[in-house]
Amino acid sequence: MRRPTFEVVAWGIAGSVRDAGRPGLAHLGRSRGGAVDLAALELGNRLVGNDPCAAGIETSGGLVMRCIVATMVAVTGSPADVHVEGGPPVGWGGPVVLPAGAMLRIGRLRGGARTYVCVRGGIEGRDGDVLQLGPDPEEPASTHPAVPRALDRPVRLWPGPRLDRFDDGAWDALLATTWEVLSASDRIGLRLDGRPLERVRHDELPSEGLLEGAIQVPPDGRPIVMLADHPATGGYPVIAVVDPADLGLVAQRSVGAAVRFTPAR
């Protein structure tokens, strides 16, 4: 029987339970889903001894959780203001055991768009706002804190399959422009504003398969980077694809943040 571990007092901004998603189902029309910053979720799970794909909580701030039983937690993803009432302090990237009754609050995020809270055993059930703990993984927790990534470094790109749809300078313009993240961005895609990319062909493409990290360019010339909940197919030409190792950097760009691209080597 699953044991209750946390009561969510406030879900905050975009708070949700997320695992690693369901990869490999694009042929059935389903994107991966799951945590947008998959690397951050996997890191948090490794820190508390879980399987890397176990479910945790993704939040953009304002999450408030109360421990029902003593629970080991780790916070990863974007650095954030983390406050604990009735327990020891919780920093970024290190496992901490919180006693029963302790209250964990994720406040303002610092430098990124999503913070992850992972709990030992993973979240395996939910009854309203009460989250249920999975079995103990019987693996040791990390004895060393993690080192945070530099979230603001340039994102590496590979050329996409539809460069022939753009003028000769579009690839260089994509790399040379400092793009700004628009407020219309969500779990489906990161929408960017900057110098529009010029297309030389404007006829419609038949819908074709999309993958996470594909950069589509709609008629207005402003790129959209596909994220975890992207559609399985799309008709806008794909000028580039984010290197898989840098998908987490894209996932952590918040509204108004700058995005720079560089060629993958």
Protein backbone atom coordinates (compact mmCIF):
# COMPACT_ATOMS: atom_id res chain seq x y z
CA MET A 1 0.00 0.00 0.00
CA ARG A 2 1.31 3.43 -0.91
CA ARG A 3 1.97 5.78 1.97
CA PRO A 4 0.98 9.45 1.88
CA THR A 5 4.07 11.61 1.95
CA PHE A 6 3.11 15.23 1.16
CA GLU A 7 0.07 17.42 1.23
CA VAL A 8 0.23 20.15 -1.41
CA VAL A 9 -1.04 23.28 0.33
CA ALA A 10 -0.57 25.45 -2.79
CA TRP A 11 0.40 24.31 -6.29
CA GLY A 12 1.70 27.75 -7.24
CA ILE A 13 2.59 28.57 -10.84
CA ALA A 14 2.26 25.58 -13.19
CA GLY A 15 2.78 23.11 -10.34
CA SER A 16 2.27 19.49 -11.45
CA VAL A 17 3.44 15.93 -10.92
CA ARG A 18 5.78 14.91 -13.75
CA ASP A 19 7.80 11.83 -14.57
CA ALA A 20 10.08 11.26 -17.57
CA GLY A 21 7.11 11.03 -19.95
CA ARG A 22 6.38 8.42 -22.59
CA PRO A 23 9.05 8.48 -25.31
CA GLY A 24 8.77 6.39 -28.46
CA LEU A 25 5.06 6.93 -29.16
CA ALA A 26 5.29 9.61 -31.86
CA HIS A 27 3.96 7.12 -34.43
CA LEU A 28 0.78 7.03 -32.35
CA GLY A 29 0.54 10.84 -32.32
CA ARG A 30 1.87 11.31 -28.80
CA SER A 31 4.82 13.47 -27.78
CA ARG A 32 7.05 12.57 -24.83
CA GLY A 33 5.33 14.81 -22.29
CA GLY A 34 6.63 14.55 -18.75
CA ALA A 35 9.17 16.94 -17.22
CA VAL A 36 10.17 19.73 -19.59
CA ASP A 37 13.71 19.80 -18.14
CA LEU A 38 14.24 16.06 -18.11
CA ALA A 39 17.88 16.34 -17.04
CA ALA A 40 16.87 18.25 -13.90
CA LEU A 41 14.27 15.64 -12.93
CA GLU A 42 16.74 12.80 -13.49
CA LEU A 43 19.38 14.58 -11.39
CA GLY A 44 16.96 15.09 -8.50
CA ASN A 45 15.98 11.44 -8.58
CA ARG A 46 19.59 10.25 -8.58
CA LEU A 47 20.33 12.49 -5.59
CA VAL A 48 17.65 10.77 -3.46
CA GLY A 49 18.42 7.25 -4.76
CA ASN A 50 15.44 6.87 -7.11
CA ASP A 51 15.21 5.53 -10.60
CA PRO A 52 15.96 8.56 -12.82
CA CYS A 53 12.49 8.39 -14.39
CA ALA A 54 10.52 8.51 -11.11
CA ALA A 55 7.86 11.21 -10.76
CA GLY A 56 8.55 14.44 -8.92
CA ILE A 57 7.01 17.91 -8.92
CA GLU A 58 7.66 20.57 -11.55
CA THR A 59 6.97 24.17 -10.48
CA SER A 60 7.58 27.71 -11.65
CA GLY A 61 7.31 29.05 -8.10
CA GLY A 62 4.75 29.36 -5.33
CA LEU A 63 4.65 25.65 -4.44
CA VAL A 64 3.90 24.90 -0.76
CA MET A 65 4.09 21.31 0.54
CA ARG A 66 3.66 19.82 4.02
CA CYS A 67 5.38 16.57 5.00
CA ILE A 68 2.99 13.96 6.36
CA VAL A 69 5.84 11.57 7.14
CA ALA A 70 9.59 12.14 7.34
CA THR A 71 10.76 12.35 3.73
CA MET A 72 14.02 12.83 1.85
CA VAL A 73 13.83 15.56 -0.80
CA ALA A 74 16.13 17.18 -3.35
CA VAL A 75 15.59 20.42 -5.27
CA THR A 76 17.01 20.81 -8.79
CA GLY A 77 16.33 22.70 -12.02
CA SER A 78 16.31 26.47 -11.68
CA PRO A 79 17.78 27.86 -8.46
CA ALA A 80 14.97 29.26 -6.33
CA ASP A 81 14.21 30.79 -2.96
CA VAL A 82 13.53 27.68 -0.86
CA HIS A 83 12.13 28.05 2.66
CA VAL A 84 11.48 25.32 5.25
CA GLU A 85 9.38 25.69 8.39
CA GLY A 86 9.87 23.07 11.08
CA GLY A 87 12.87 21.38 9.50
CA PRO A 88 16.44 21.81 8.29
CA PRO A 89 17.25 24.16 5.39
CA VAL A 90 17.06 22.74 1.87
CA GLY A 91 19.56 23.99 -0.67
CA TRP A 92 19.90 23.30 -4.38
CA GLY A 93 21.22 19.92 -5.47
CA GLY A 94 21.57 18.03 -2.19
CA PRO A 95 19.33 15.43 -0.47
CA VAL A 96 17.80 16.51 2.84
CA VAL A 97 15.47 14.60 5.20
CA LEU A 98 12.50 16.69 6.32
CA PRO A 99 10.62 15.59 9.47
CA ALA A 100 6.88 15.01 9.61
CA GLY A 101 5.06 18.33 9.80
CA ALA A 102 7.75 20.34 8.03
CA MET A 103 6.56 22.83 5.40
CA LEU A 104 8.55 23.27 2.19
CA ARG A 105 8.03 26.43 0.13
CA ILE A 106 9.45 27.14 -3.35
CA GLY A 107 9.44 30.90 -3.83
CA ARG A 108 10.84 33.03 -6.62
CA LEU A 109 12.92 31.24 -9.24
CA ARG A 110 16.39 32.64 -9.88
CA GLY A 111 17.69 32.37 -13.42
CA GLY A 112 15.43 29.65 -14.83
CA ALA A 113 11.83 28.75 -15.59
CA ARG A 114 11.26 25.45 -13.75
CA THR A 115 12.32 23.96 -10.41
CA TYR A 116 11.93 20.27 -9.50
CA VAL A 117 11.25 18.68 -6.12
CA CYS A 118 12.09 14.97 -6.02
CA VAL A 119 11.24 12.73 -3.05
CA ARG A 120 12.78 9.41 -2.11
CA GLY A 121 10.55 6.64 -3.43
CA GLY A 122 9.02 8.89 -6.09
CA ILE A 123 5.42 10.02 -6.31
CA GLU A 124 3.29 7.02 -7.28
CA GLY A 125 -0.21 8.18 -6.47
CA ARG A 126 -2.37 11.16 -5.73
CA ASP A 127 -5.58 11.62 -3.77
CA GLY A 128 -6.60 15.22 -4.36
CA ASP A 129 -3.78 17.30 -2.95
CA VAL A 130 -2.21 14.41 -1.01
CA LEU A 131 0.70 12.77 -2.81
CA GLN A 132 1.58 9.15 -2.14
CA LEU A 133 5.07 7.81 -1.80
CA GLY A 134 6.36 4.81 -3.75
CA PRO A 135 8.42 2.03 -2.13
CA ASP A 136 11.89 2.79 -0.87
CA PRO A 137 14.31 2.36 -3.80
CA GLU A 138 16.86 0.58 -1.56
CA GLU A 139 19.64 2.55 -3.19
CA PRO A 140 21.85 4.95 -1.24
CA ALA A 141 21.25 8.67 -1.62
CA SER A 142 24.05 10.84 -2.90
CA THR A 143 26.65 11.88 -0.35
CA HIS A 144 27.85 14.83 -2.46
CA PRO A 145 25.87 17.87 -3.63
CA ALA A 146 25.40 18.40 -7.35
CA VAL A 147 26.94 21.26 -9.30
CA PRO A 148 24.38 23.54 -10.99
CA ARG A 149 24.50 24.07 -14.75
CA ALA A 150 25.14 27.47 -16.30
CA LEU A 151 21.63 28.07 -17.63
CA ASP A 152 22.48 31.12 -19.73
CA ARG A 153 25.12 29.67 -22.06
CA PRO A 154 24.49 29.44 -25.84
CA VAL A 155 22.33 26.53 -27.03
CA ARG A 156 23.95 24.21 -29.58
CA LEU A 157 22.15 23.61 -32.87
CA TRP A 158 22.32 21.17 -35.77
CA PRO A 159 21.06 22.25 -39.22
CA GLY A 160 17.49 21.19 -39.88
CA PRO A 161 16.03 19.36 -42.88
CA ARG A 162 14.37 22.44 -44.44
CA LEU A 163 17.21 24.92 -44.88
CA ASP A 164 16.31 25.08 -48.56
CA ARG A 165 13.15 26.96 -47.56
CA PHE A 166 15.18 29.92 -46.26
CA ASP A 167 17.47 32.47 -47.87
CA ASP A 168 21.24 31.98 -47.78
CA GLY A 169 21.69 34.21 -44.73
CA ALA A 170 18.97 32.69 -42.52
CA TRP A 171 21.23 30.16 -40.78
CA ASP A 172 23.80 32.85 -39.96
CA ALA A 173 21.01 35.17 -38.78
CA LEU A 174 19.64 32.47 -36.49
CA LEU A 175 23.07 32.15 -34.87
CA ALA A 176 23.89 35.87 -34.78
CA THR A 177 20.60 37.11 -33.28
CA THR A 178 20.01 37.45 -29.55
CA TRP A 179 16.44 36.15 -29.26
CA GLU A 180 13.97 37.05 -26.52
CA VAL A 181 11.54 34.55 -24.98
CA LEU A 182 7.92 35.62 -25.50
CA SER A 183 5.13 35.31 -22.93
CA ALA A 184 3.22 32.99 -25.31
CA SER A 185 5.78 30.25 -24.56
CA ASP A 186 4.55 27.14 -22.76
CA ARG A 187 5.25 23.41 -22.41
CA ILE A 188 4.55 22.99 -26.13
CA GLY A 189 7.17 25.39 -27.39
CA LEU A 190 9.49 28.29 -26.64
CA ARG A 191 8.45 31.25 -28.82
CA LEU A 192 11.23 33.67 -29.69
CA ASP A 193 11.26 37.29 -30.81
CA GLY A 194 14.03 38.91 -32.83
CA ARG A 195 15.04 39.60 -36.40
CA PRO A 196 12.61 37.56 -38.58
CA LEU A 197 14.19 34.78 -40.62
CA GLU A 198 13.60 35.20 -44.34
CA ARG A 199 12.06 32.39 -46.34
CA VAL A 200 12.50 31.94 -50.09
CA ARG A 201 9.71 29.41 -50.42
CA HIS A 202 6.23 30.15 -49.08
CA ASP A 203 4.26 27.19 -50.43
CA GLU A 204 2.73 24.94 -47.81
CA LEU A 205 4.59 21.88 -46.59
CA PRO A 206 2.66 18.68 -45.94
CA SER A 207 2.64 17.89 -42.23
CA GLU A 208 5.69 15.89 -41.19
CA GLY A 209 6.99 14.38 -37.98
CA LEU A 210 8.41 16.65 -35.29
CA LEU A 211 10.83 15.91 -32.50
CA GLU A 212 11.68 17.66 -29.27
CA GLY A 213 14.11 20.49 -29.94
CA ALA A 214 13.03 21.07 -33.56
CA ILE A 215 12.95 24.79 -34.43
CA GLN A 216 9.99 25.61 -36.62
CA VAL A 217 9.65 28.94 -38.39
CA PRO A 218 6.07 30.14 -39.06
CA PRO A 219 5.27 32.76 -41.73
CA ASP A 220 6.18 35.67 -39.41
CA GLY A 221 9.80 34.45 -39.36
CA ARG A 222 10.04 34.13 -35.56
CA PRO A 223 11.27 30.69 -34.40
CA ILE A 224 9.44 28.26 -32.12
CA VAL A 225 11.52 25.64 -30.28
CA MET A 226 9.50 22.47 -29.65
CA LEU A 227 9.39 21.30 -26.02
CA ALA A 228 8.03 18.25 -24.17
CA ASP A 229 4.36 18.65 -25.18
CA HIS A 230 5.02 19.49 -28.84
CA PRO A 231 2.61 18.16 -31.50
CA ALA A 232 3.66 14.94 -33.20
CA THR A 233 3.48 16.58 -36.65
CA GLY A 234 3.78 20.10 -38.05
CA GLY A 235 3.78 21.99 -41.31
CA TYR A 236 6.17 24.87 -40.64
CA PRO A 237 9.69 24.34 -42.01
CA VAL A 238 12.32 23.19 -39.49
CA ILE A 239 15.47 25.28 -39.88
CA ALA A 240 17.45 23.68 -37.02
CA VAL A 241 17.33 21.15 -34.18
CA VAL A 242 18.65 21.69 -30.64
CA ASP A 243 21.38 19.28 -29.59
CA PRO A 244 19.71 16.77 -27.20
CA ALA A 245 22.24 17.59 -24.47
CA ASP A 246 21.06 21.22 -24.47
CA LEU A 247 17.28 20.66 -24.31
CA GLY A 248 17.34 21.45 -20.59
CA LEU A 249 18.87 24.87 -21.31
CA VAL A 250 15.95 25.69 -23.60
CA ALA A 251 13.46 24.38 -21.04
CA GLN A 252 14.89 26.78 -18.43
CA ARG A 253 14.60 29.99 -20.45
CA SER A 254 11.96 32.18 -18.77
CA VAL A 255 9.82 34.91 -20.31
CA GLY A 256 11.99 37.87 -21.33
CA ALA A 257 15.23 35.89 -21.12
CA ALA A 258 17.80 36.06 -23.90
CA VAL A 259 18.59 33.01 -26.03
CA ARG A 260 21.73 32.68 -28.13
CA PHE A 261 22.51 29.78 -30.48
CA THR A 262 25.80 28.29 -31.57
CA PRO A 263 26.63 25.49 -34.03
CA ALA A 264 27.00 22.00 -32.55
CA ARG A 265 30.44 20.46 -33.19
